[in-house]
Amino acid sequence: MCLDIQKLKEKRDVLDEELSQLISEGYSVDELDEHISQLHEYNNVKDAGQMLLGKLAVIRGVTTKELYPEFGLDMND
């Protein structure tokens, strides 16, 4: 239990250091919060798209990878 607490404290310290670095580079906490919120929304939309591609692939009997060109997607998307 103490080891878990210590790891969490270390993680907090690393995150505090990263936050301080970003603030020193001119970012504000509000901007960072907004950016994180937008990334979260993007990931949710991307996950939904991947789910739909997966369902379509099952219906067609192909892999999702095979559907990427049809929808103009890159494997890195």
PDB file of N, CA and C in Angstrom:
ATOM      1  N   MET A   1       0.835  -1.192   0.000  1.00  0.00           N
ATOM      2  CA  MET A   1       0.000   0.000   0.000  1.00  0.00           C
ATOM      3  C   MET A   1       0.878   1.252   0.000  1.00  0.00           C
ATOM      4  N   CYS A   2       1.896   1.300   0.841  1.00  0.00           N
ATOM      5  CA  CYS A   2       2.784   2.471   0.889  1.00  0.00           C
ATOM      6  C   CYS A   2       3.526   2.660  -0.418  1.00  0.00           C
ATOM      7  N   LEU A   3       3.863   1.539  -1.071  1.00  0.00           N
ATOM      8  CA  LEU A   3       4.549   1.620  -2.359  1.00  0.00           C
ATOM      9  C   LEU A   3       3.637   2.268  -3.401  1.00  0.00           C
ATOM     10  N   ASP A   4       2.345   1.919  -3.387  1.00  0.00           N
ATOM     11  CA  ASP A   4       1.382   2.528  -4.306  1.00  0.00           C
ATOM     12  C   ASP A   4       1.268   4.028  -4.059  1.00  0.00           C
ATOM     13  N   ILE A   5       1.226   4.419  -2.818  1.00  0.00           N
ATOM     14  CA  ILE A   5       1.133   5.840  -2.469  1.00  0.00           C
ATOM     15  C   ILE A   5       2.385   6.571  -2.939  1.00  0.00           C
ATOM     16  N   GLN A   6       3.535   5.955  -2.742  1.00  0.00           N
ATOM     17  CA  GLN A   6       4.792   6.569  -3.172  1.00  0.00           C
ATOM     18  C   GLN A   6       4.818   6.734  -4.690  1.00  0.00           C
ATOM     19  N   LYS A   7       4.359   5.720  -5.421  1.00  0.00           N
ATOM     20  CA  LYS A   7       4.330   5.814  -6.884  1.00  0.00           C
ATOM     21  C   LYS A   7       3.392   6.928  -7.339  1.00  0.00           C
ATOM     22  N   LEU A   8       2.250   7.056  -6.675  1.00  0.00           N
ATOM     23  CA  LEU A   8       1.318   8.128  -7.018  1.00  0.00           C
ATOM     24  C   LEU A   8       1.921   9.500  -6.739  1.00  0.00           C
ATOM     25  N   LYS A   9       2.636   9.632  -5.635  1.00  0.00           N
ATOM     26  CA  LYS A   9       3.290  10.909  -5.319  1.00  0.00           C
ATOM     27  C   LYS A   9       4.352  11.237  -6.352  1.00  0.00           C
ATOM     28  N   GLU A  10       5.106  10.229  -6.787  1.00  0.00           N
ATOM     29  CA  GLU A  10       6.125  10.449  -7.805  1.00  0.00           C
ATOM     30  C   GLU A  10       5.485  10.862  -9.127  1.00  0.00           C
ATOM     31  N   LYS A  11       4.390  10.208  -9.474  1.00  0.00           N
ATOM     32  CA  LYS A  11       3.671  10.555 -10.704  1.00  0.00           C
ATOM     33  C   LYS A  11       3.146  11.989 -10.626  1.00  0.00           C
ATOM     34  N   ARG A  12       2.616  12.365  -9.457  1.00  0.00           N
ATOM     35  CA  ARG A  12       2.119  13.731  -9.259  1.00  0.00           C
ATOM     36  C   ARG A  12       3.255  14.729  -9.436  1.00  0.00           C
ATOM     37  N   ASP A  13       4.413  14.419  -8.882  1.00  0.00           N
ATOM     38  CA  ASP A  13       5.556  15.318  -8.996  1.00  0.00           C
ATOM     39  C   ASP A  13       5.987  15.486 -10.451  1.00  0.00           C
ATOM     40  N   VAL A  14       5.984  14.393 -11.204  1.00  0.00           N
ATOM     41  CA  VAL A  14       6.349  14.458 -12.623  1.00  0.00           C
ATOM     42  C   VAL A  14       5.340  15.315 -13.381  1.00  0.00           C
ATOM     43  N   LEU A  15       4.061  15.109 -13.101  1.00  0.00           N
ATOM     44  CA  LEU A  15       3.023  15.893 -13.777  1.00  0.00           C
ATOM     45  C   LEU A  15       3.099  17.365 -13.395  1.00  0.00           C
ATOM     46  N   ASP A  16       3.369  17.653 -12.124  1.00  0.00           N
ATOM     47  CA  ASP A  16       3.538  19.043 -11.696  1.00  0.00           C
ATOM     48  C   ASP A  16       4.706  19.695 -12.427  1.00  0.00           C
ATOM     49  N   GLU A  17       5.778  18.930 -12.606  1.00  0.00           N
ATOM     50  CA  GLU A  17       6.952  19.458 -13.312  1.00  0.00           C
ATOM     51  C   GLU A  17       6.616  19.730 -14.772  1.00  0.00           C
ATOM     52  N   GLU A  18       5.882  18.808 -15.408  1.00  0.00           N
ATOM     53  CA  GLU A  18       5.491  19.008 -16.802  1.00  0.00           C
ATOM     54  C   GLU A  18       4.565  20.219 -16.938  1.00  0.00           C
ATOM     55  N   LEU A  19       3.647  20.372 -16.006  1.00  0.00           N
ATOM     56  CA  LEU A  19       2.739  21.513 -16.021  1.00  0.00           C
ATOM     57  C   LEU A  19       3.517  22.818 -15.865  1.00  0.00           C
ATOM     58  N   SER A  20       4.462  22.841 -14.949  1.00  0.00           N
ATOM     59  CA  SER A  20       5.297  24.037 -14.758  1.00  0.00           C
ATOM     60  C   SER A  20       6.065  24.378 -16.024  1.00  0.00           C
ATOM     61  N   GLN A  21       6.560  23.348 -16.704  1.00  0.00           N
ATOM     62  CA  GLN A  21       7.300  23.559 -17.952  1.00  0.00           C
ATOM     63  C   GLN A  21       6.386  24.183 -19.005  1.00  0.00           C
ATOM     64  N   LEU A  22       5.171  23.657 -19.144  1.00  0.00           N
ATOM     65  CA  LEU A  22       4.232  24.196 -20.128  1.00  0.00           C
ATOM     66  C   LEU A  22       3.857  25.639 -19.794  1.00  0.00           C
ATOM     67  N   ILE A  23       3.649  25.934 -18.533  1.00  0.00           N
ATOM     68  CA  ILE A  23       3.313  27.302 -18.124  1.00  0.00           C
ATOM     69  C   ILE A  23       4.482  28.241 -18.421  1.00  0.00           C
ATOM     70  N   SER A  24       5.708  27.750 -18.193  1.00  0.00           N
ATOM     71  CA  SER A  24       6.876  28.594 -18.478  1.00  0.00           C
ATOM     72  C   SER A  24       7.042  28.832 -19.975  1.00  0.00           C
ATOM     73  N   GLU A  25       6.464  27.962 -20.792  1.00  0.00           N
ATOM     74  CA  GLU A  25       6.514  28.127 -22.247  1.00  0.00           C
ATOM     75  C   GLU A  25       5.385  29.029 -22.752  1.00  0.00           C
ATOM     76  N   GLY A  26       4.563  29.532 -21.823  1.00  0.00           N
ATOM     77  CA  GLY A  26       3.534  30.486 -22.205  1.00  0.00           C
ATOM     78  C   GLY A  26       2.118  29.947 -22.254  1.00  0.00           C
ATOM     79  N   TYR A  27       1.941  28.686 -21.941  1.00  0.00           N
ATOM     80  CA  TYR A  27       0.593  28.119 -21.921  1.00  0.00           C
ATOM     81  C   TYR A  27      -0.092  28.467 -20.608  1.00  0.00           C
ATOM     82  N   SER A  28      -1.406  28.621 -20.660  1.00  0.00           N
ATOM     83  CA  SER A  28      -2.151  28.858 -19.424  1.00  0.00           C
ATOM     84  C   SER A  28      -2.870  27.571 -19.038  1.00  0.00           C
ATOM     85  N   VAL A  29      -3.200  27.462 -17.778  1.00  0.00           N
ATOM     86  CA  VAL A  29      -3.898  26.280 -17.290  1.00  0.00           C
ATOM     87  C   VAL A  29      -5.242  26.142 -18.011  1.00  0.00           C
ATOM     88  N   ASP A  30      -5.927  27.265 -18.242  1.00  0.00           N
ATOM     89  CA  ASP A  30      -7.207  27.215 -18.949  1.00  0.00           C
ATOM     90  C   ASP A  30      -7.043  26.685 -20.371  1.00  0.00           C
ATOM     91  N   GLU A  31      -5.983  27.130 -21.070  1.00  0.00           N
ATOM     92  CA  GLU A  31      -5.716  26.638 -22.419  1.00  0.00           C
ATOM     93  C   GLU A  31      -5.440  25.142 -22.394  1.00  0.00           C
ATOM     94  N   LEU A  32      -4.656  24.712 -21.429  1.00  0.00           N
ATOM     95  CA  LEU A  32      -4.326  23.294 -21.321  1.00  0.00           C
ATOM     96  C   LEU A  32      -5.574  22.475 -21.018  1.00  0.00           C
ATOM     97  N   ASP A  33      -6.426  22.970 -20.123  1.00  0.00           N
ATOM     98  CA  ASP A  33      -7.680  22.281 -19.812  1.00  0.00           C
ATOM     99  C   ASP A  33      -8.556  22.162 -21.054  1.00  0.00           C
ATOM    100  N   GLU A  34      -8.636  23.239 -21.833  1.00  0.00           N
ATOM    101  CA  GLU A  34      -9.443  23.231 -23.057  1.00  0.00           C
ATOM    102  C   GLU A  34      -8.858  22.251 -24.064  1.00  0.00           C
ATOM    103  N   HIS A  35      -7.545  22.242 -24.197  1.00  0.00           N
ATOM    104  CA  HIS A  35      -6.878  21.326 -25.125  1.00  0.00           C
ATOM    105  C   HIS A  35      -7.145  19.874 -24.720  1.00  0.00           C
ATOM    106  N   ILE A  36      -7.045  19.584 -23.447  1.00  0.00           N
ATOM    107  CA  ILE A  36      -7.307  18.231 -22.946  1.00  0.00           C
ATOM    108  C   ILE A  36      -8.754  17.849 -23.214  1.00  0.00           C
ATOM    109  N   SER A  37      -9.663  18.778 -23.010  1.00  0.00           N
ATOM    110  CA  SER A  37     -11.077  18.529 -23.267  1.00  0.00           C
ATOM    111  C   SER A  37     -11.317  18.224 -24.744  1.00  0.00           C
ATOM    112  N   GLN A  38     -10.674  18.983 -25.624  1.00  0.00           N
ATOM    113  CA  GLN A  38     -10.820  18.755 -27.058  1.00  0.00           C
ATOM    114  C   GLN A  38     -10.216  17.412 -27.469  1.00  0.00           C
ATOM    115  N   LEU A  39      -9.085  17.050 -26.889  1.00  0.00           N
ATOM    116  CA  LEU A  39      -8.482  15.748 -27.186  1.00  0.00           C
ATOM    117  C   LEU A  39      -9.393  14.616 -26.734  1.00  0.00           C
ATOM    118  N   HIS A  40     -10.020  14.787 -25.573  1.00  0.00           N
ATOM    119  CA  HIS A  40     -10.943  13.778 -25.059  1.00  0.00           C
ATOM    120  C   HIS A  40     -12.122  13.602 -26.020  1.00  0.00           C
ATOM    121  N   GLU A  41     -12.674  14.714 -26.495  1.00  0.00           N
ATOM    122  CA  GLU A  41     -13.788  14.660 -27.442  1.00  0.00           C
ATOM    123  C   GLU A  41     -13.360  14.000 -28.747  1.00  0.00           C
ATOM    124  N   TYR A  42     -12.175  14.366 -29.250  1.00  0.00           N
ATOM    125  CA  TYR A  42     -11.645  13.766 -30.470  1.00  0.00           C
ATOM    126  C   TYR A  42     -11.509  12.255 -30.312  1.00  0.00           C
ATOM    127  N   ASN A  43     -10.964  11.814 -29.185  1.00  0.00           N
ATOM    128  CA  ASN A  43     -10.781  10.385 -28.956  1.00  0.00           C
ATOM    129  C   ASN A  43     -12.115   9.655 -28.896  1.00  0.00           C
ATOM    130  N   ASN A  44     -13.129  10.268 -28.302  1.00  0.00           N
ATOM    131  CA  ASN A  44     -14.454   9.649 -28.261  1.00  0.00           C
ATOM    132  C   ASN A  44     -15.036   9.497 -29.662  1.00  0.00           C
ATOM    133  N   VAL A  45     -14.884  10.532 -30.486  1.00  0.00           N
ATOM    134  CA  VAL A  45     -15.389  10.473 -31.860  1.00  0.00           C
ATOM    135  C   VAL A  45     -14.615   9.425 -32.660  1.00  0.00           C
ATOM    136  N   LYS A  46     -13.313   9.398 -32.490  1.00  0.00           N
ATOM    137  CA  LYS A  46     -12.483   8.417 -33.192  1.00  0.00           C
ATOM    138  C   LYS A  46     -12.861   7.000 -32.775  1.00  0.00           C
ATOM    139  N   ASP A  47     -13.084   6.782 -31.484  1.00  0.00           N
ATOM    140  CA  ASP A  47     -13.495   5.461 -30.997  1.00  0.00           C
ATOM    141  C   ASP A  47     -14.828   5.039 -31.619  1.00  0.00           C
ATOM    142  N   ALA A  48     -15.767   5.979 -31.719  1.00  0.00           N
ATOM    143  CA  ALA A  48     -17.069   5.677 -32.331  1.00  0.00           C
ATOM    144  C   ALA A  48     -16.889   5.312 -33.801  1.00  0.00           C
ATOM    145  N   GLY A  49     -16.040   6.041 -34.487  1.00  0.00           N
ATOM    146  CA  GLY A  49     -15.758   5.741 -35.894  1.00  0.00           C
ATOM    147  C   GLY A  49     -15.128   4.371 -36.059  1.00  0.00           C
ATOM    148  N   GLN A  50     -14.196   4.039 -35.179  1.00  0.00           N
ATOM    149  CA  GLN A  50     -13.559   2.723 -35.235  1.00  0.00           C
ATOM    150  C   GLN A  50     -14.569   1.610 -34.975  1.00  0.00           C
ATOM    151  N   MET A  51     -15.492   1.868 -34.049  1.00  0.00           N
ATOM    152  CA  MET A  51     -16.530   0.891 -33.752  1.00  0.00           C
ATOM    153  C   MET A  51     -17.413   0.649 -34.985  1.00  0.00           C
ATOM    154  N   LEU A  52     -17.787   1.752 -35.640  1.00  0.00           N
ATOM    155  CA  LEU A  52     -18.613   1.630 -36.843  1.00  0.00           C
ATOM    156  C   LEU A  52     -17.871   0.902 -37.962  1.00  0.00           C
ATOM    157  N   LEU A  53     -16.605   1.226 -38.138  1.00  0.00           N
ATOM    158  CA  LEU A  53     -15.815   0.519 -39.152  1.00  0.00           C
ATOM    159  C   LEU A  53     -15.740  -0.966 -38.826  1.00  0.00           C
ATOM    160  N   GLY A  54     -15.570  -1.278 -37.554  1.00  0.00           N
ATOM    161  CA  GLY A  54     -15.509  -2.682 -37.138  1.00  0.00           C
ATOM    162  C   GLY A  54     -16.800  -3.416 -37.446  1.00  0.00           C
ATOM    163  N   LYS A  55     -17.932  -2.782 -37.160  1.00  0.00           N
ATOM    164  CA  LYS A  55     -19.235  -3.409 -37.442  1.00  0.00           C
ATOM    165  C   LYS A  55     -19.437  -3.590 -38.947  1.00  0.00           C
ATOM    166  N   LEU A  56     -19.052  -2.576 -39.730  1.00  0.00           N
ATOM    167  CA  LEU A  56     -19.171  -2.675 -41.179  1.00  0.00           C
ATOM    168  C   LEU A  56     -18.271  -3.785 -41.714  1.00  0.00           C
ATOM    169  N   ALA A  57     -17.079  -3.908 -41.166  1.00  0.00           N
ATOM    170  CA  ALA A  57     -16.152  -4.950 -41.596  1.00  0.00           C
ATOM    171  C   ALA A  57     -16.736  -6.335 -41.320  1.00  0.00           C
ATOM    172  N   VAL A  58     -17.367  -6.507 -40.169  1.00  0.00           N
ATOM    173  CA  VAL A  58     -17.984  -7.794 -39.838  1.00  0.00           C
ATOM    174  C   VAL A  58     -19.108  -8.098 -40.833  1.00  0.00           C
ATOM    175  N   ILE A  59     -19.938  -7.101 -41.117  1.00  0.00           N
ATOM    176  CA  ILE A  59     -21.051  -7.291 -42.053  1.00  0.00           C
ATOM    177  C   ILE A  59     -20.534  -7.695 -43.430  1.00  0.00           C
ATOM    178  N   ARG A  60     -19.461  -7.041 -43.864  1.00  0.00           N
ATOM    179  CA  ARG A  60     -18.913  -7.324 -45.195  1.00  0.00           C
ATOM    180  C   ARG A  60     -17.975  -8.522 -45.211  1.00  0.00           C
ATOM    181  N   GLY A  61     -17.577  -8.990 -44.028  1.00  0.00           N
ATOM    182  CA  GLY A  61     -16.663 -10.134 -43.968  1.00  0.00           C
ATOM    183  C   GLY A  61     -15.241  -9.774 -44.357  1.00  0.00           C
ATOM    184  N   VAL A  62     -14.832  -8.551 -44.029  1.00  0.00           N
ATOM    185  CA  VAL A  62     -13.473  -8.093 -44.326  1.00  0.00           C
ATOM    186  C   VAL A  62     -12.855  -7.550 -43.040  1.00  0.00           C
ATOM    187  N   THR A  63     -11.607  -7.160 -43.126  1.00  0.00           N
ATOM    188  CA  THR A  63     -10.968  -6.528 -41.979  1.00  0.00           C
ATOM    189  C   THR A  63     -11.185  -5.024 -42.038  1.00  0.00           C
ATOM    190  N   THR A  64     -11.057  -4.363 -40.900  1.00  0.00           N
ATOM    191  CA  THR A  64     -11.194  -2.905 -40.906  1.00  0.00           C
ATOM    192  C   THR A  64     -10.103  -2.276 -41.764  1.00  0.00           C
ATOM    193  N   LYS A  65      -8.939  -2.897 -41.774  1.00  0.00           N
ATOM    194  CA  LYS A  65      -7.819  -2.392 -42.579  1.00  0.00           C
ATOM    195  C   LYS A  65      -8.206  -2.323 -44.057  1.00  0.00           C
ATOM    196  N   GLU A  66      -8.988  -3.280 -44.497  1.00  0.00           N
ATOM    197  CA  GLU A  66      -9.410  -3.300 -45.902  1.00  0.00           C
ATOM    198  C   GLU A  66     -10.399  -2.179 -46.216  1.00  0.00           C
ATOM    199  N   LEU A  67     -11.068  -1.647 -45.213  1.00  0.00           N
ATOM    200  CA  LEU A  67     -12.033  -0.564 -45.432  1.00  0.00           C
ATOM    201  C   LEU A  67     -11.376   0.818 -45.495  1.00  0.00           C
ATOM    202  N   TYR A  68     -10.184   0.953 -44.962  1.00  0.00           N
ATOM    203  CA  TYR A  68      -9.539   2.266 -44.889  1.00  0.00           C
ATOM    204  C   TYR A  68      -9.454   2.970 -46.241  1.00  0.00           C
ATOM    205  N   PRO A  69      -8.974   2.307 -47.290  1.00  0.00           N
ATOM    206  CA  PRO A  69      -8.888   3.008 -48.585  1.00  0.00           C
ATOM    207  C   PRO A  69     -10.245   3.477 -49.103  1.00  0.00           C
ATOM    208  N   GLU A  70     -11.284   2.683 -48.876  1.00  0.00           N
ATOM    209  CA  GLU A  70     -12.624   3.037 -49.353  1.00  0.00           C
ATOM    210  C   GLU A  70     -13.107   4.363 -48.760  1.00  0.00           C
ATOM    211  N   PHE A  71     -12.684   4.639 -47.520  1.00  0.00           N
ATOM    212  CA  PHE A  71     -13.117   5.854 -46.847  1.00  0.00           C
ATOM    213  C   PHE A  71     -12.015   6.918 -46.793  1.00  0.00           C
ATOM    214  N   GLY A  72     -10.955   6.700 -47.566  1.00  0.00           N
ATOM    215  CA  GLY A  72      -9.878   7.690 -47.640  1.00  0.00           C
ATOM    216  C   GLY A  72      -9.100   7.831 -46.346  1.00  0.00           C
ATOM    217  N   LEU A  73      -9.015   6.753 -45.583  1.00  0.00           N
ATOM    218  CA  LEU A  73      -8.310   6.798 -44.303  1.00  0.00           C
ATOM    219  C   LEU A  73      -6.897   6.242 -44.452  1.00  0.00           C
ATOM    220  N   ASP A  74      -6.008   6.765 -43.659  1.00  0.00           N
ATOM    221  CA  ASP A  74      -4.631   6.304 -43.588  1.00  0.00           C
ATOM    222  C   ASP A  74      -4.527   5.369 -42.403  1.00  0.00           C
ATOM    223  N   MET A  75      -3.688   4.376 -42.480  1.00  0.00           N
ATOM    224  CA  MET A  75      -3.527   3.436 -41.367  1.00  0.00           C
ATOM    225  C   MET A  75      -3.077   4.139 -40.082  1.00  0.00           C
ATOM    226  N   ASN A  76      -2.523   5.329 -40.200  1.00  0.00           N
ATOM    227  CA  ASN A  76      -2.080   6.079 -39.032  1.00  0.00           C
ATOM    228  C   ASN A  76      -3.198   6.947 -38.439  1.00  0.00           C
ATOM    229  N   ASP A  77      -4.368   6.950 -39.074  1.00  0.00           N
ATOM    230  CA  ASP A  77      -5.503   7.745 -38.576  1.00  0.00           C
ATOM    231  C   ASP A  77      -6.065   7.154 -37.311  1.00  0.00           C
TER     232      ASP A  77
END
